[in-house]
Amino acid sequence: PLILGGAAAIAGAVGIGSAVHGGVKMKEANDTMKWAESKHRESITGFETQNKKTTADMDRLGKKELEILDSFQKFSNIFEQIHNRPEFKPYEKENVSIPAYNAEELKQVSVGAGVLLGGLGGAAVGTAGGFAAAGATTAAVMALGTASTGTAIASLSGVATNATLAALGGGAIAAGGGGMALGTTILGAATLGVGILVGGVIFNVTGSKLSDKANEAFKQAKKEETEVRKICRYMRTLSDAESRFEDALQTVDKIYRRHLEKLGDLVVLSGKTDWNDYSDAEKKLTENTALLVGLLYSMCKVQLVPQSNSATELNRVNEEGINASRETAKNFLADSGLSALV
């Protein structure tokens, strides 16, 4: 009896110790799972906040570019009424190059931009931003080529519903990118995986199995945090670049609108349609307006997010193209004496 009683006591002690150990492991695993869940929510919140801002920035720019391109129809209508005008040559000076007036190109891009603007009202958030990512001028010309077929706005633009994910995954499909599907892939399975892992663990398993699940959730949450930080840095870079580019575009557009209004007053309201009757100031106004159109046309061609050659890498933000375009605008306005109008 003493031996049996001693064995039972030992077994009981071992059982209690095992239960305590298992309980401690389950407590630790539970704490780890809560941390992983908290980190997952933090990562997703951070991503969604930055994604919302970047998408809004890009949408604003894309819409602005389309409005500028759409206005070229008004300019062409006024400009074509001027008889005996000379053929304006391209503007070439040092590092500044502005294309000459081309009636057919302006017509195509303005009509295409009008088509895209007309469809933005019912388009998903991020669509307009995709135009800026791929180059609004190119998107407008493509829209003109397919508008007569009755193709939907999303197909015309070739842009995923989320401009940021489209940029991450190859930009606009119109530019050869993979669109949002690839962008979602680049975000990685971790973003979704952690949520599923955290939410799907059932605590009626052994402490050891639960601990393994918790450790896996910990690793996935850390991986997700790293990926999201990388993507948020990318989106901040894109927003910063967009802001600098938009500032330059807005500056040129304001001067262009003033010139367009004055030219309209001259040709339409005053009825002066013969170039030979123009004063030097009126000729300069006409020429500068045409050059501003060419400058804006070129600026709207800039792809903020060119397609990457790699299917697994983020597309680069086109800092070089943006800076070159801003510098061209700055130099032209200074050389032509228009900087004072800013």
C-alpha atoms as a PDB file:
ATOM      1  CA  PRO A   1       0.000   0.000   0.000  1.00  0.00           C
ATOM      2  CA  LEU A   2       2.805   2.397   0.839  1.00  0.00           C
ATOM      3  CA  ILE A   3       4.461   1.720  -2.508  1.00  0.00           C
ATOM      4  CA  LEU A   4       1.204   2.160  -4.437  1.00  0.00           C
ATOM      5  CA  GLY A   5       0.360   5.289  -2.483  1.00  0.00           C
ATOM      6  CA  GLY A   6       3.824   6.699  -3.196  1.00  0.00           C
ATOM      7  CA  ALA A   7       3.484   5.948  -6.897  1.00  0.00           C
ATOM      8  CA  ALA A   8       0.096   7.590  -7.007  1.00  0.00           C
ATOM      9  CA  ALA A   9       1.481  10.670  -5.282  1.00  0.00           C
ATOM     10  CA  ILE A  10       4.361  10.849  -7.725  1.00  0.00           C
ATOM     11  CA  ALA A  11       2.011  10.383 -10.673  1.00  0.00           C
ATOM     12  CA  GLY A  12      -0.261  13.059  -9.293  1.00  0.00           C
ATOM     13  CA  ALA A  13       2.643  15.435  -8.823  1.00  0.00           C
ATOM     14  CA  VAL A  14       3.859  14.786 -12.351  1.00  0.00           C
ATOM     15  CA  GLY A  15       0.355  15.271 -13.675  1.00  0.00           C
ATOM     16  CA  ILE A  16      -0.037  18.545 -11.838  1.00  0.00           C
ATOM     17  CA  GLY A  17       3.417  19.674 -13.010  1.00  0.00           C
ATOM     18  CA  SER A  18       2.587  18.758 -16.574  1.00  0.00           C
ATOM     19  CA  ALA A  19      -0.718  20.579 -16.363  1.00  0.00           C
ATOM     20  CA  VAL A  20       0.970  23.662 -14.924  1.00  0.00           C
ATOM     21  CA  HIS A  21       3.650  23.547 -17.626  1.00  0.00           C
ATOM     22  CA  GLY A  22       1.005  23.139 -20.303  1.00  0.00           C
ATOM     23  CA  GLY A  23      -0.980  25.990 -18.838  1.00  0.00           C
ATOM     24  CA  VAL A  24       2.091  28.234 -18.837  1.00  0.00           C
ATOM     25  CA  LYS A  25       2.794  27.367 -22.472  1.00  0.00           C
ATOM     26  CA  MET A  26      -0.801  28.085 -23.408  1.00  0.00           C
ATOM     27  CA  LYS A  27      -0.643  31.400 -21.528  1.00  0.00           C
ATOM     28  CA  GLU A  28       2.576  32.332 -23.349  1.00  0.00           C
ATOM     29  CA  ALA A  29       1.135  31.219 -26.677  1.00  0.00           C
ATOM     30  CA  ASN A  30      -2.026  33.205 -26.034  1.00  0.00           C
ATOM     31  CA  ASP A  31       0.035  36.325 -25.266  1.00  0.00           C
ATOM     32  CA  THR A  32       2.051  35.793 -28.439  1.00  0.00           C
ATOM     33  CA  MET A  33      -1.100  35.423 -30.499  1.00  0.00           C
ATOM     34  CA  LYS A  34      -2.520  38.629 -29.034  1.00  0.00           C
ATOM     35  CA  TRP A  35       0.714  40.437 -29.904  1.00  0.00           C
ATOM     36  CA  ALA A  36       0.614  39.079 -33.456  1.00  0.00           C
ATOM     37  CA  GLU A  37      -3.009  40.114 -33.825  1.00  0.00           C
ATOM     38  CA  SER A  38      -2.229  43.603 -32.500  1.00  0.00           C
ATOM     39  CA  LYS A  39       0.763  43.956 -34.835  1.00  0.00           C
ATOM     40  CA  HIS A  40      -1.344  42.746 -37.749  1.00  0.00           C
ATOM     41  CA  ARG A  41      -4.021  45.379 -37.083  1.00  0.00           C
ATOM     42  CA  GLU A  42      -1.323  48.039 -36.705  1.00  0.00           C
ATOM     43  CA  SER A  43       0.280  47.077 -40.010  1.00  0.00           C
ATOM     44  CA  ILE A  44      -3.023  47.030 -41.879  1.00  0.00           C
ATOM     45  CA  THR A  45      -4.104  50.358 -40.389  1.00  0.00           C
ATOM     46  CA  GLY A  46      -0.789  51.937 -41.360  1.00  0.00           C
ATOM     47  CA  PHE A  47      -1.031  50.582 -44.881  1.00  0.00           C
ATOM     48  CA  GLU A  48      -4.650  51.643 -45.371  1.00  0.00           C
ATOM     49  CA  THR A  49      -3.930  55.164 -44.087  1.00  0.00           C
ATOM     50  CA  GLN A  50      -0.960  55.695 -46.387  1.00  0.00           C
ATOM     51  CA  ASN A  51      -2.700  53.988 -49.290  1.00  0.00           C
ATOM     52  CA  LYS A  52      -5.714  56.298 -48.908  1.00  0.00           C
ATOM     53  CA  LYS A  53      -3.489  59.388 -48.973  1.00  0.00           C
ATOM     54  CA  THR A  54      -1.371  58.274 -51.909  1.00  0.00           C
ATOM     55  CA  THR A  55      -4.408  57.207 -53.910  1.00  0.00           C
ATOM     56  CA  ALA A  56      -6.086  60.574 -53.262  1.00  0.00           C
ATOM     57  CA  ASP A  57      -2.897  62.402 -54.307  1.00  0.00           C
ATOM     58  CA  MET A  58      -2.592  60.432 -57.517  1.00  0.00           C
ATOM     59  CA  ASP A  59      -6.311  60.759 -58.297  1.00  0.00           C
ATOM     60  CA  ARG A  60      -6.105  64.519 -57.910  1.00  0.00           C
ATOM     61  CA  LEU A  61      -3.142  64.721 -60.264  1.00  0.00           C
ATOM     62  CA  GLY A  62      -4.695  62.382 -62.826  1.00  0.00           C
ATOM     63  CA  LYS A  63      -7.905  64.395 -62.936  1.00  0.00           C
ATOM     64  CA  LYS A  64      -5.961  67.646 -63.221  1.00  0.00           C
ATOM     65  CA  GLU A  65      -3.967  66.325 -66.153  1.00  0.00           C
ATOM     66  CA  LEU A  66      -7.105  65.210 -67.957  1.00  0.00           C
ATOM     67  CA  GLU A  67      -8.703  68.616 -67.416  1.00  0.00           C
ATOM     68  CA  ILE A  68      -5.639  70.287 -68.919  1.00  0.00           C
ATOM     69  CA  LEU A  69      -5.632  67.975 -71.935  1.00  0.00           C
ATOM     70  CA  ASP A  70      -9.368  68.448 -72.377  1.00  0.00           C
ATOM     71  CA  SER A  71      -8.873  72.240 -72.517  1.00  0.00           C
ATOM     72  CA  PHE A  72      -6.695  71.916 -75.612  1.00  0.00           C
ATOM     73  CA  GLN A  73      -9.862  71.628 -77.698  1.00  0.00           C
ATOM     74  CA  LYS A  74     -10.808  75.163 -76.700  1.00  0.00           C
ATOM     75  CA  PHE A  75      -7.324  76.387 -77.529  1.00  0.00           C
ATOM     76  CA  SER A  76      -7.386  74.713 -80.955  1.00  0.00           C
ATOM     77  CA  ASN A  77     -10.789  76.205 -81.764  1.00  0.00           C
ATOM     78  CA  ILE A  78      -9.470  79.693 -81.006  1.00  0.00           C
ATOM     79  CA  PHE A  79      -6.053  79.212 -82.569  1.00  0.00           C
ATOM     80  CA  GLU A  80      -7.404  77.841 -85.843  1.00  0.00           C
ATOM     81  CA  GLN A  81      -9.397  81.043 -86.402  1.00  0.00           C
ATOM     82  CA  ILE A  82      -6.207  83.071 -86.752  1.00  0.00           C
ATOM     83  CA  HIS A  83      -5.454  83.496 -90.461  1.00  0.00           C
ATOM     84  CA  ASN A  84      -2.015  84.026 -92.001  1.00  0.00           C
ATOM     85  CA  ARG A  85      -0.277  82.960 -88.821  1.00  0.00           C
ATOM     86  CA  PRO A  86       3.244  81.609 -89.223  1.00  0.00           C
ATOM     87  CA  GLU A  87       4.138  77.997 -88.518  1.00  0.00           C
ATOM     88  CA  PHE A  88       5.533  78.040 -85.028  1.00  0.00           C
ATOM     89  CA  LYS A  89       8.696  76.008 -84.669  1.00  0.00           C
ATOM     90  CA  PRO A  90       9.570  73.811 -81.691  1.00  0.00           C
ATOM     91  CA  TYR A  91      11.140  75.690 -78.803  1.00  0.00           C
ATOM     92  CA  GLU A  92      14.745  74.567 -78.342  1.00  0.00           C
ATOM     93  CA  LYS A  93      17.069  76.314 -75.906  1.00  0.00           C
ATOM     94  CA  GLU A  94      19.791  74.640 -73.859  1.00  0.00           C
ATOM     95  CA  ASN A  95      18.001  71.896 -71.890  1.00  0.00           C
ATOM     96  CA  VAL A  96      14.509  73.113 -72.772  1.00  0.00           C
ATOM     97  CA  SER A  97      12.622  71.368 -75.566  1.00  0.00           C
ATOM     98  CA  ILE A  98       8.943  72.056 -76.315  1.00  0.00           C
ATOM     99  CA  PRO A  99       7.165  70.520 -79.319  1.00  0.00           C
ATOM    100  CA  ALA A 100       5.567  72.687 -81.986  1.00  0.00           C
ATOM    101  CA  TYR A 101       1.802  73.072 -82.306  1.00  0.00           C
ATOM    102  CA  ASN A 102       0.234  70.017 -83.898  1.00  0.00           C
ATOM    103  CA  ALA A 103      -3.492  70.364 -84.531  1.00  0.00           C
ATOM    104  CA  GLU A 104      -4.149  66.659 -85.079  1.00  0.00           C
ATOM    105  CA  GLU A 105      -2.325  65.526 -81.945  1.00  0.00           C
ATOM    106  CA  LEU A 106      -4.088  68.092 -79.799  1.00  0.00           C
ATOM    107  CA  LYS A 107      -7.449  67.047 -81.188  1.00  0.00           C
ATOM    108  CA  GLN A 108      -6.818  63.395 -80.406  1.00  0.00           C
ATOM    109  CA  VAL A 109      -5.586  63.981 -76.902  1.00  0.00           C
ATOM    110  CA  SER A 110      -8.313  66.492 -76.002  1.00  0.00           C
ATOM    111  CA  VAL A 111     -11.127  64.251 -77.239  1.00  0.00           C
ATOM    112  CA  GLY A 112      -9.612  61.235 -75.485  1.00  0.00           C
ATOM    113  CA  ALA A 113      -9.221  63.189 -72.266  1.00  0.00           C
ATOM    114  CA  GLY A 114     -12.854  64.241 -72.516  1.00  0.00           C
ATOM    115  CA  VAL A 115     -13.892  60.603 -72.833  1.00  0.00           C
ATOM    116  CA  LEU A 116     -11.921  59.655 -69.733  1.00  0.00           C
ATOM    117  CA  LEU A 117     -13.149  62.640 -67.730  1.00  0.00           C
ATOM    118  CA  GLY A 118     -16.716  61.731 -68.612  1.00  0.00           C
ATOM    119  CA  GLY A 119     -16.236  58.267 -67.174  1.00  0.00           C
ATOM    120  CA  LEU A 120     -14.527  59.247 -63.947  1.00  0.00           C
ATOM    121  CA  GLY A 121     -17.790  59.964 -62.173  1.00  0.00           C
ATOM    122  CA  GLY A 122     -18.684  56.298 -61.981  1.00  0.00           C
ATOM    123  CA  ALA A 123     -15.156  54.942 -61.838  1.00  0.00           C
ATOM    124  CA  ALA A 124     -13.595  53.410 -58.749  1.00  0.00           C
ATOM    125  CA  VAL A 125     -11.274  55.328 -56.464  1.00  0.00           C
ATOM    126  CA  GLY A 126      -7.747  55.164 -57.858  1.00  0.00           C
ATOM    127  CA  THR A 127      -8.711  55.132 -61.526  1.00  0.00           C
ATOM    128  CA  ALA A 128      -7.678  58.728 -62.248  1.00  0.00           C
ATOM    129  CA  GLY A 129      -4.416  58.152 -60.403  1.00  0.00           C
ATOM    130  CA  GLY A 130      -3.635  55.322 -62.758  1.00  0.00           C
ATOM    131  CA  PHE A 131      -3.647  57.791 -65.646  1.00  0.00           C
ATOM    132  CA  ALA A 132      -0.979  59.851 -63.912  1.00  0.00           C
ATOM    133  CA  ALA A 133       1.032  56.722 -63.163  1.00  0.00           C
ATOM    134  CA  ALA A 134       1.005  55.671 -66.823  1.00  0.00           C
ATOM    135  CA  GLY A 135       1.077  59.154 -68.381  1.00  0.00           C
ATOM    136  CA  ALA A 136      -2.229  60.961 -68.955  1.00  0.00           C
ATOM    137  CA  THR A 137      -1.406  61.943 -72.531  1.00  0.00           C
ATOM    138  CA  THR A 138      -0.815  58.329 -73.540  1.00  0.00           C
ATOM    139  CA  ALA A 139      -3.974  57.178 -71.751  1.00  0.00           C
ATOM    140  CA  ALA A 140      -6.036  59.880 -73.483  1.00  0.00           C
ATOM    141  CA  VAL A 141      -4.796  58.892 -76.939  1.00  0.00           C
ATOM    142  CA  MET A 142      -5.541  55.231 -76.200  1.00  0.00           C
ATOM    143  CA  ALA A 143      -9.020  56.178 -75.001  1.00  0.00           C
ATOM    144  CA  LEU A 144      -9.737  57.921 -78.288  1.00  0.00           C
ATOM    145  CA  GLY A 145      -8.732  54.825 -80.197  1.00  0.00           C
ATOM    146  CA  THR A 146     -11.186  52.567 -78.375  1.00  0.00           C
ATOM    147  CA  ALA A 147     -14.014  54.922 -77.361  1.00  0.00           C
ATOM    148  CA  SER A 148     -16.079  54.194 -80.448  1.00  0.00           C
ATOM    149  CA  THR A 149     -16.309  50.516 -79.514  1.00  0.00           C
ATOM    150  CA  GLY A 150     -18.278  51.269 -76.345  1.00  0.00           C
ATOM    151  CA  THR A 151     -15.535  49.854 -74.135  1.00  0.00           C
ATOM    152  CA  ALA A 152     -16.020  50.478 -70.415  1.00  0.00           C
ATOM    153  CA  ILE A 153     -14.022  53.209 -68.689  1.00  0.00           C
ATOM    154  CA  ALA A 154     -11.969  50.695 -66.692  1.00  0.00           C
ATOM    155  CA  SER A 155     -10.866  49.000 -69.889  1.00  0.00           C
ATOM    156  CA  LEU A 156     -10.185  52.272 -71.633  1.00  0.00           C
ATOM    157  CA  SER A 157      -7.826  53.366 -68.903  1.00  0.00           C
ATOM    158  CA  GLY A 158      -6.343  49.963 -68.364  1.00  0.00           C
ATOM    159  CA  VAL A 159      -5.927  50.972 -64.743  1.00  0.00           C
ATOM    160  CA  ALA A 160      -6.680  48.842 -61.732  1.00  0.00           C
ATOM    161  CA  THR A 161      -9.287  50.160 -59.316  1.00  0.00           C
ATOM    162  CA  ASN A 162      -6.548  50.930 -56.828  1.00  0.00           C
ATOM    163  CA  ALA A 163      -3.880  53.212 -58.252  1.00  0.00           C
ATOM    164  CA  THR A 164      -1.367  52.409 -55.544  1.00  0.00           C
ATOM    165  CA  LEU A 165      -1.609  48.656 -55.988  1.00  0.00           C
ATOM    166  CA  ALA A 166      -1.467  49.145 -59.738  1.00  0.00           C
ATOM    167  CA  ALA A 167       1.718  51.147 -59.302  1.00  0.00           C
ATOM    168  CA  LEU A 168       3.194  48.486 -57.060  1.00  0.00           C
ATOM    169  CA  GLY A 169       2.296  45.772 -59.498  1.00  0.00           C
ATOM    170  CA  GLY A 170       3.194  47.259 -62.839  1.00  0.00           C
ATOM    171  CA  GLY A 171       1.268  50.484 -63.194  1.00  0.00           C
ATOM    172  CA  ALA A 172      -1.532  50.796 -65.682  1.00  0.00           C
ATOM    173  CA  ILE A 173      -2.218  47.794 -67.842  1.00  0.00           C
ATOM    174  CA  ALA A 174      -2.201  50.283 -70.707  1.00  0.00           C
ATOM    175  CA  ALA A 175       1.500  50.738 -70.019  1.00  0.00           C
ATOM    176  CA  GLY A 176       2.103  47.001 -69.932  1.00  0.00           C
ATOM    177  CA  GLY A 177       1.799  46.582 -66.184  1.00  0.00           C
ATOM    178  CA  GLY A 178       0.144  43.861 -64.189  1.00  0.00           C
ATOM    179  CA  GLY A 179      -2.394  46.050 -62.437  1.00  0.00           C
ATOM    180  CA  MET A 180      -3.887  45.436 -59.028  1.00  0.00           C
ATOM    181  CA  ALA A 181      -3.667  41.641 -59.153  1.00  0.00           C
ATOM    182  CA  LEU A 182       0.113  41.738 -59.232  1.00  0.00           C
ATOM    183  CA  GLY A 183       0.136  44.544 -56.680  1.00  0.00           C
ATOM    184  CA  THR A 184      -1.833  42.384 -54.283  1.00  0.00           C
ATOM    185  CA  THR A 185       0.622  39.560 -54.837  1.00  0.00           C
ATOM    186  CA  ILE A 186       3.550  41.846 -54.091  1.00  0.00           C
ATOM    187  CA  LEU A 187       1.954  42.796 -50.813  1.00  0.00           C
ATOM    188  CA  GLY A 188       2.449  39.152 -49.978  1.00  0.00           C
ATOM    189  CA  ALA A 189       0.370  36.435 -48.427  1.00  0.00           C
ATOM    190  CA  ALA A 190       1.516  37.624 -45.013  1.00  0.00           C
ATOM    191  CA  THR A 191      -0.965  40.483 -44.956  1.00  0.00           C
ATOM    192  CA  LEU A 192      -3.898  38.113 -45.298  1.00  0.00           C
ATOM    193  CA  GLY A 193      -2.169  35.122 -43.771  1.00  0.00           C
ATOM    194  CA  VAL A 194      -1.637  36.649 -40.367  1.00  0.00           C
ATOM    195  CA  GLY A 195      -5.277  37.601 -40.034  1.00  0.00           C
ATOM    196  CA  ILE A 196      -6.379  34.121 -40.969  1.00  0.00           C
ATOM    197  CA  LEU A 197      -3.789  32.518 -38.712  1.00  0.00           C
ATOM    198  CA  VAL A 198      -4.663  34.693 -35.760  1.00  0.00           C
ATOM    199  CA  GLY A 199      -8.404  34.358 -36.194  1.00  0.00           C
ATOM    200  CA  GLY A 200      -8.388  30.673 -37.000  1.00  0.00           C
ATOM    201  CA  VAL A 201      -6.532  29.193 -34.033  1.00  0.00           C
ATOM    202  CA  ILE A 202      -8.714  27.137 -31.731  1.00  0.00           C
ATOM    203  CA  PHE A 203      -7.469  26.920 -28.202  1.00  0.00           C
ATOM    204  CA  ASN A 204      -8.627  23.353 -27.533  1.00  0.00           C
ATOM    205  CA  VAL A 205      -5.304  21.927 -28.681  1.00  0.00           C
ATOM    206  CA  THR A 206      -2.269  20.930 -26.708  1.00  0.00           C
ATOM    207  CA  GLY A 207       0.028  23.587 -25.374  1.00  0.00           C
ATOM    208  CA  SER A 208       2.779  22.446 -27.712  1.00  0.00           C
ATOM    209  CA  LYS A 209       0.686  22.742 -30.869  1.00  0.00           C
ATOM    210  CA  LEU A 210      -0.665  26.089 -29.757  1.00  0.00           C
ATOM    211  CA  SER A 211       2.847  27.313 -29.097  1.00  0.00           C
ATOM    212  CA  ASP A 212       3.893  26.318 -32.626  1.00  0.00           C
ATOM    213  CA  LYS A 213       0.923  28.180 -34.074  1.00  0.00           C
ATOM    214  CA  ALA A 214       1.736  31.233 -31.980  1.00  0.00           C
ATOM    215  CA  ASN A 215       5.368  31.212 -33.061  1.00  0.00           C
ATOM    216  CA  GLU A 216       4.314  30.990 -36.704  1.00  0.00           C
ATOM    217  CA  ALA A 217       1.928  33.900 -36.210  1.00  0.00           C
ATOM    218  CA  PHE A 218       4.766  35.882 -34.608  1.00  0.00           C
ATOM    219  CA  LYS A 219       7.038  35.262 -37.607  1.00  0.00           C
ATOM    220  CA  GLN A 220       4.298  36.143 -40.092  1.00  0.00           C
ATOM    221  CA  ALA A 221       3.415  39.331 -38.219  1.00  0.00           C
ATOM    222  CA  LYS A 222       7.059  40.432 -38.225  1.00  0.00           C
ATOM    223  CA  LYS A 223       7.329  39.630 -41.928  1.00  0.00           C
ATOM    224  CA  GLU A 224       4.132  41.540 -42.613  1.00  0.00           C
ATOM    225  CA  GLU A 225       5.394  44.521 -40.624  1.00  0.00           C
ATOM    226  CA  THR A 226       8.596  44.611 -42.681  1.00  0.00           C
ATOM    227  CA  GLU A 227       6.733  44.372 -46.002  1.00  0.00           C
ATOM    228  CA  VAL A 228       4.161  46.995 -45.075  1.00  0.00           C
ATOM    229  CA  ARG A 229       6.857  49.403 -43.923  1.00  0.00           C
ATOM    230  CA  LYS A 230       8.631  48.938 -47.231  1.00  0.00           C
ATOM    231  CA  ILE A 231       5.446  49.577 -49.202  1.00  0.00           C
ATOM    232  CA  CYS A 232       4.481  52.593 -47.088  1.00  0.00           C
ATOM    233  CA  ARG A 233       7.937  54.100 -47.697  1.00  0.00           C
ATOM    234  CA  TYR A 234       7.359  53.559 -51.396  1.00  0.00           C
ATOM    235  CA  MET A 235       3.949  55.218 -51.247  1.00  0.00           C
ATOM    236  CA  ARG A 236       5.342  58.182 -49.310  1.00  0.00           C
ATOM    237  CA  THR A 237       8.017  58.572 -51.964  1.00  0.00           C
ATOM    238  CA  LEU A 238       5.324  58.476 -54.654  1.00  0.00           C
ATOM    239  CA  SER A 239       3.203  61.058 -52.823  1.00  0.00           C
ATOM    240  CA  ASP A 240       6.195  63.368 -52.380  1.00  0.00           C
ATOM    241  CA  ALA A 241       7.090  63.078 -56.061  1.00  0.00           C
ATOM    242  CA  GLU A 242       3.466  63.649 -57.052  1.00  0.00           C
ATOM    243  CA  SER A 243       3.337  66.781 -54.913  1.00  0.00           C
ATOM    244  CA  ARG A 244       6.427  68.304 -56.529  1.00  0.00           C
ATOM    245  CA  PHE A 245       5.195  67.471 -60.003  1.00  0.00           C
ATOM    246  CA  GLU A 246       1.689  68.771 -59.316  1.00  0.00           C
ATOM    247  CA  ASP A 247       3.081  72.076 -58.035  1.00  0.00           C
ATOM    248  CA  ALA A 248       4.974  72.599 -61.288  1.00  0.00           C
ATOM    249  CA  LEU A 249       1.974  71.541 -63.358  1.00  0.00           C
ATOM    250  CA  GLN A 250      -0.341  73.892 -61.472  1.00  0.00           C
ATOM    251  CA  THR A 251       2.081  76.786 -61.963  1.00  0.00           C
ATOM    252  CA  VAL A 252       2.257  76.301 -65.728  1.00  0.00           C
ATOM    253  CA  ASP A 253      -1.489  75.689 -65.970  1.00  0.00           C
ATOM    254  CA  LYS A 254      -2.362  78.940 -64.177  1.00  0.00           C
ATOM    255  CA  ILE A 255      -0.239  80.940 -66.616  1.00  0.00           C
ATOM    256  CA  TYR A 256      -1.670  78.997 -69.556  1.00  0.00           C
ATOM    257  CA  ARG A 257      -5.274  79.661 -68.452  1.00  0.00           C
ATOM    258  CA  ARG A 258      -4.593  83.396 -68.281  1.00  0.00           C
ATOM    259  CA  HIS A 259      -3.076  83.340 -71.749  1.00  0.00           C
ATOM    260  CA  LEU A 260      -5.940  81.257 -73.116  1.00  0.00           C
ATOM    261  CA  GLU A 261      -8.497  83.703 -71.712  1.00  0.00           C
ATOM    262  CA  LYS A 262      -6.664  86.692 -73.227  1.00  0.00           C
ATOM    263  CA  LEU A 263      -6.297  84.937 -76.554  1.00  0.00           C
ATOM    264  CA  GLY A 264     -10.003  84.138 -76.535  1.00  0.00           C
ATOM    265  CA  ASP A 265     -10.819  87.778 -75.851  1.00  0.00           C
ATOM    266  CA  LEU A 266      -8.547  88.821 -78.697  1.00  0.00           C
ATOM    267  CA  VAL A 267      -9.831  86.389 -81.319  1.00  0.00           C
ATOM    268  CA  VAL A 268     -13.441  85.724 -80.328  1.00  0.00           C
ATOM    269  CA  LEU A 269     -14.604  88.861 -78.550  1.00  0.00           C
ATOM    270  CA  SER A 270     -12.516  91.403 -80.468  1.00  0.00           C
ATOM    271  CA  GLY A 271     -12.797  89.512 -83.727  1.00  0.00           C
ATOM    272  CA  LYS A 272      -9.119  89.923 -84.608  1.00  0.00           C
ATOM    273  CA  THR A 273      -8.420  86.880 -86.759  1.00  0.00           C
ATOM    274  CA  ASP A 274      -5.710  88.182 -89.119  1.00  0.00           C
ATOM    275  CA  TRP A 275      -2.161  87.671 -87.890  1.00  0.00           C
ATOM    276  CA  ASN A 276      -0.977  90.622 -89.957  1.00  0.00           C
ATOM    277  CA  ASP A 277      -3.148  92.939 -87.851  1.00  0.00           C
ATOM    278  CA  TYR A 278      -1.617  91.782 -84.585  1.00  0.00           C
ATOM    279  CA  SER A 279       0.686  93.983 -82.537  1.00  0.00           C
ATOM    280  CA  ASP A 280       3.982  92.565 -81.321  1.00  0.00           C
ATOM    281  CA  ALA A 281       2.431  91.990 -77.898  1.00  0.00           C
ATOM    282  CA  GLU A 282      -0.511  90.134 -79.416  1.00  0.00           C
ATOM    283  CA  LYS A 283       1.788  87.980 -81.519  1.00  0.00           C
ATOM    284  CA  LYS A 284       3.851  87.200 -78.442  1.00  0.00           C
ATOM    285  CA  LEU A 285       0.686  86.296 -76.528  1.00  0.00           C
ATOM    286  CA  THR A 286      -0.356  83.887 -79.281  1.00  0.00           C
ATOM    287  CA  GLU A 287       3.055  82.275 -79.565  1.00  0.00           C
ATOM    288  CA  ASN A 288       3.475  81.893 -75.804  1.00  0.00           C
ATOM    289  CA  THR A 289       0.034  80.315 -75.490  1.00  0.00           C
ATOM    290  CA  ALA A 290       0.947  77.738 -78.143  1.00  0.00           C
ATOM    291  CA  LEU A 291       4.241  77.029 -76.351  1.00  0.00           C
ATOM    292  CA  LEU A 292       2.492  76.648 -73.000  1.00  0.00           C
ATOM    293  CA  VAL A 293       0.165  74.113 -74.609  1.00  0.00           C
ATOM    294  CA  GLY A 294       3.198  72.213 -75.893  1.00  0.00           C
ATOM    295  CA  LEU A 295       4.821  72.335 -72.456  1.00  0.00           C
ATOM    296  CA  LEU A 296       1.714  71.036 -70.720  1.00  0.00           C
ATOM    297  CA  TYR A 297       1.291  68.343 -73.367  1.00  0.00           C
ATOM    298  CA  SER A 298       4.826  67.150 -72.633  1.00  0.00           C
ATOM    299  CA  MET A 299       4.376  67.313 -68.869  1.00  0.00           C
ATOM    300  CA  CYS A 300       1.248  65.185 -69.050  1.00  0.00           C
ATOM    301  CA  LYS A 301       3.225  62.538 -70.923  1.00  0.00           C
ATOM    302  CA  VAL A 302       5.466  61.928 -67.919  1.00  0.00           C
ATOM    303  CA  GLN A 303       4.922  58.494 -66.415  1.00  0.00           C
ATOM    304  CA  LEU A 304       5.157  58.868 -62.673  1.00  0.00           C
ATOM    305  CA  VAL A 305       5.473  55.105 -62.284  1.00  0.00           C
ATOM    306  CA  PRO A 306       7.134  53.425 -65.277  1.00  0.00           C
ATOM    307  CA  GLN A 307       6.807  49.681 -65.598  1.00  0.00           C
ATOM    308  CA  SER A 308       9.530  47.649 -63.933  1.00  0.00           C
ATOM    309  CA  ASN A 309      11.417  45.045 -65.930  1.00  0.00           C
ATOM    310  CA  SER A 310      11.036  42.655 -63.025  1.00  0.00           C
ATOM    311  CA  ALA A 311       7.760  40.998 -62.138  1.00  0.00           C
ATOM    312  CA  THR A 312       8.805  40.705 -58.491  1.00  0.00           C
ATOM    313  CA  GLU A 313      10.039  44.235 -57.802  1.00  0.00           C
ATOM    314  CA  LEU A 314       8.184  47.429 -57.048  1.00  0.00           C
ATOM    315  CA  ASN A 315       7.956  49.800 -59.975  1.00  0.00           C
ATOM    316  CA  ARG A 316      10.274  52.743 -59.528  1.00  0.00           C
ATOM    317  CA  VAL A 317       8.981  56.242 -58.961  1.00  0.00           C
ATOM    318  CA  ASN A 318      10.136  58.264 -61.967  1.00  0.00           C
ATOM    319  CA  GLU A 319      12.145  60.875 -60.056  1.00  0.00           C
ATOM    320  CA  GLU A 320      14.341  61.593 -63.088  1.00  0.00           C
ATOM    321  CA  GLY A 321      11.435  62.261 -65.430  1.00  0.00           C
ATOM    322  CA  ILE A 322       9.620  64.358 -62.854  1.00  0.00           C
ATOM    323  CA  ASN A 323      12.676  66.474 -62.057  1.00  0.00           C
ATOM    324  CA  ALA A 324      13.495  66.942 -65.748  1.00  0.00           C
ATOM    325  CA  SER A 325       9.930  68.057 -66.484  1.00  0.00           C
ATOM    326  CA  ARG A 326       9.931  70.500 -63.572  1.00  0.00           C
ATOM    327  CA  GLU A 327      13.284  71.901 -64.654  1.00  0.00           C
ATOM    328  CA  THR A 328      12.062  72.339 -68.237  1.00  0.00           C
ATOM    329  CA  ALA A 329       9.001  74.236 -67.010  1.00  0.00           C
ATOM    330  CA  LYS A 330      11.071  76.397 -64.686  1.00  0.00           C
ATOM    331  CA  ASN A 331      13.630  77.282 -67.370  1.00  0.00           C
ATOM    332  CA  PHE A 332      11.008  78.015 -70.024  1.00  0.00           C
ATOM    333  CA  LEU A 333       9.025  80.325 -67.757  1.00  0.00           C
ATOM    334  CA  ALA A 334      12.213  82.152 -66.817  1.00  0.00           C
ATOM    335  CA  ASP A 335      13.518  82.405 -70.405  1.00  0.00           C
ATOM    336  CA  SER A 336      10.193  83.652 -71.737  1.00  0.00           C
ATOM    337  CA  GLY A 337       9.686  86.152 -68.941  1.00  0.00           C
ATOM    338  CA  LEU A 338       6.571  84.382 -67.692  1.00  0.00           C
ATOM    339  CA  SER A 339       7.909  83.623 -64.222  1.00  0.00           C
ATOM    340  CA  ALA A 340       6.679  87.023 -63.071  1.00  0.00           C
ATOM    341  CA  LEU A 341       3.117  85.807 -63.687  1.00  0.00           C
ATOM    342  CA  VAL A 342       3.403  82.978 -61.144  1.00  0.00           C
END
